[in-house]
Amino acid sequence: MPHAGATAAMMQSARQLLKARADELLQRLGAGTNEELQEVLHALTKMDAGTWGRCEKCSGAIGRDRLRAIPETRSCLDCAR
């Protein structure tokens, strides 16, 4: 289930950011960005599955500010620490 506070507009904005990052990373792949690209693609997969915005460690909601800053994040701030 996506983050409870994630609006359709926020999800669309994050999707656009993730796609732009994926395009950028694809262009820089020779510079060792494969891991970053995989994280971005994973986030897009989670969006399609409806699980984007949920922490993979505790299943809690990832804060909106964290999602805006790092839309491909897999964990909430508490679990990231």
C-alpha atoms as a PDB file:
ATOM      1  CA  MET A   1       0.000   0.000   0.000  1.00  0.00           C
ATOM      2  CA  PRO A   2       1.457   3.409  -0.903  1.00  0.00           C
ATOM      3  CA  HIS A   3       2.237   6.030   1.692  1.00  0.00           C
ATOM      4  CA  ALA A   4      -1.049   7.265   3.176  1.00  0.00           C
ATOM      5  CA  GLY A   5      -0.117  10.909   2.601  1.00  0.00           C
ATOM      6  CA  ALA A   6       1.087  10.375  -0.972  1.00  0.00           C
ATOM      7  CA  THR A   7      -1.240  12.258  -3.265  1.00  0.00           C
ATOM      8  CA  ALA A   8      -1.657  11.411  -6.915  1.00  0.00           C
ATOM      9  CA  ALA A   9       0.205  14.621  -7.781  1.00  0.00           C
ATOM     10  CA  MET A  10       3.087  13.689  -5.474  1.00  0.00           C
ATOM     11  CA  MET A  11       3.301  10.213  -6.978  1.00  0.00           C
ATOM     12  CA  GLN A  12       3.289  11.664 -10.506  1.00  0.00           C
ATOM     13  CA  SER A  13       6.003  14.157  -9.560  1.00  0.00           C
ATOM     14  CA  ALA A  14       8.127  11.426  -7.965  1.00  0.00           C
ATOM     15  CA  ARG A  15       7.585   9.162 -10.986  1.00  0.00           C
ATOM     16  CA  GLN A  16       8.822  11.938 -13.290  1.00  0.00           C
ATOM     17  CA  LEU A  17      11.853  12.542 -11.055  1.00  0.00           C
ATOM     18  CA  LEU A  18      12.654   8.831 -10.973  1.00  0.00           C
ATOM     19  CA  LYS A  19      12.371   8.493 -14.731  1.00  0.00           C
ATOM     20  CA  ALA A  20      14.597  11.544 -15.224  1.00  0.00           C
ATOM     21  CA  ARG A  21      17.148  10.053 -12.804  1.00  0.00           C
ATOM     22  CA  ALA A  22      17.019   6.731 -14.638  1.00  0.00           C
ATOM     23  CA  ASP A  23      17.662   8.494 -17.947  1.00  0.00           C
ATOM     24  CA  GLU A  24      20.561  10.440 -16.422  1.00  0.00           C
ATOM     25  CA  LEU A  25      22.048   7.314 -14.864  1.00  0.00           C
ATOM     26  CA  LEU A  26      21.774   5.400 -18.102  1.00  0.00           C
ATOM     27  CA  GLN A  27      23.855   8.111 -19.759  1.00  0.00           C
ATOM     28  CA  ARG A  28      26.500   7.854 -16.999  1.00  0.00           C
ATOM     29  CA  LEU A  29      26.551   4.065 -16.660  1.00  0.00           C
ATOM     30  CA  GLY A  30      30.221   3.927 -17.546  1.00  0.00           C
ATOM     31  CA  ALA A  31      30.893   5.956 -14.384  1.00  0.00           C
ATOM     32  CA  GLY A  32      29.772   3.150 -12.061  1.00  0.00           C
ATOM     33  CA  THR A  33      26.154   4.172 -11.539  1.00  0.00           C
ATOM     34  CA  ASN A  34      24.612   0.753 -12.057  1.00  0.00           C
ATOM     35  CA  GLU A  35      23.674   0.426  -8.365  1.00  0.00           C
ATOM     36  CA  GLU A  36      21.988   3.848  -8.388  1.00  0.00           C
ATOM     37  CA  LEU A  37      20.097   2.907 -11.526  1.00  0.00           C
ATOM     38  CA  GLN A  38      18.916  -0.317  -9.931  1.00  0.00           C
ATOM     39  CA  GLU A  39      17.559   1.665  -6.947  1.00  0.00           C
ATOM     40  CA  VAL A  40      15.639   4.008  -9.237  1.00  0.00           C
ATOM     41  CA  LEU A  41      14.219   1.115 -11.263  1.00  0.00           C
ATOM     42  CA  HIS A  42      13.275  -0.662  -8.024  1.00  0.00           C
ATOM     43  CA  ALA A  43      11.356   2.430  -6.886  1.00  0.00           C
ATOM     44  CA  LEU A  44       9.467   2.554 -10.178  1.00  0.00           C
ATOM     45  CA  THR A  45       8.580  -1.124  -9.782  1.00  0.00           C
ATOM     46  CA  LYS A  46       7.304  -0.410  -6.260  1.00  0.00           C
ATOM     47  CA  MET A  47       5.171   2.436  -7.628  1.00  0.00           C
ATOM     48  CA  ASP A  48       3.621   0.097 -10.170  1.00  0.00           C
ATOM     49  CA  ALA A  49       2.968  -2.461  -7.408  1.00  0.00           C
ATOM     50  CA  GLY A  50       1.440   0.161  -5.105  1.00  0.00           C
ATOM     51  CA  THR A  51       4.088  -0.282  -2.397  1.00  0.00           C
ATOM     52  CA  TRP A  52       6.132   2.885  -2.953  1.00  0.00           C
ATOM     53  CA  GLY A  53       6.382   4.995   0.198  1.00  0.00           C
ATOM     54  CA  ARG A  54       6.472   2.024   2.584  1.00  0.00           C
ATOM     55  CA  CYS A  55       9.638   1.122   4.478  1.00  0.00           C
ATOM     56  CA  GLU A  56      11.042  -2.249   3.428  1.00  0.00           C
ATOM     57  CA  LYS A  57      12.380  -2.866   6.947  1.00  0.00           C
ATOM     58  CA  CYS A  58       9.478  -1.967   9.252  1.00  0.00           C
ATOM     59  CA  SER A  59       6.619  -1.589   6.718  1.00  0.00           C
ATOM     60  CA  GLY A  60       5.872   1.855   8.143  1.00  0.00           C
ATOM     61  CA  ALA A  61       5.271   4.951   6.089  1.00  0.00           C
ATOM     62  CA  ILE A  62       8.281   6.823   4.760  1.00  0.00           C
ATOM     63  CA  GLY A  63       8.006  10.538   5.526  1.00  0.00           C
ATOM     64  CA  ARG A  64       6.914  12.849   2.723  1.00  0.00           C
ATOM     65  CA  ASP A  65       9.997  15.060   3.052  1.00  0.00           C
ATOM     66  CA  ARG A  66      12.267  12.008   2.760  1.00  0.00           C
ATOM     67  CA  LEU A  67      10.369  10.780  -0.306  1.00  0.00           C
ATOM     68  CA  ARG A  68      10.637  14.200  -1.914  1.00  0.00           C
ATOM     69  CA  ALA A  69      14.383  14.320  -1.250  1.00  0.00           C
ATOM     70  CA  ILE A  70      15.126  10.669  -2.116  1.00  0.00           C
ATOM     71  CA  PRO A  71      12.186   9.176  -4.029  1.00  0.00           C
ATOM     72  CA  GLU A  72      14.058   5.895  -4.499  1.00  0.00           C
ATOM     73  CA  THR A  73      14.636   5.365  -0.770  1.00  0.00           C
ATOM     74  CA  ARG A  74      13.766   1.917   0.588  1.00  0.00           C
ATOM     75  CA  SER A  75      13.537   2.864   4.262  1.00  0.00           C
ATOM     76  CA  CYS A  76      12.051   5.367   6.653  1.00  0.00           C
ATOM     77  CA  LEU A  77      14.370   7.748   8.466  1.00  0.00           C
ATOM     78  CA  ASP A  78      14.339   5.706  11.690  1.00  0.00           C
ATOM     79  CA  CYS A  79      15.343   2.485   9.918  1.00  0.00           C
ATOM     80  CA  ALA A  80      17.949   4.295   7.826  1.00  0.00           C
ATOM     81  CA  ARG A  81      19.746   5.356  10.992  1.00  0.00           C
END
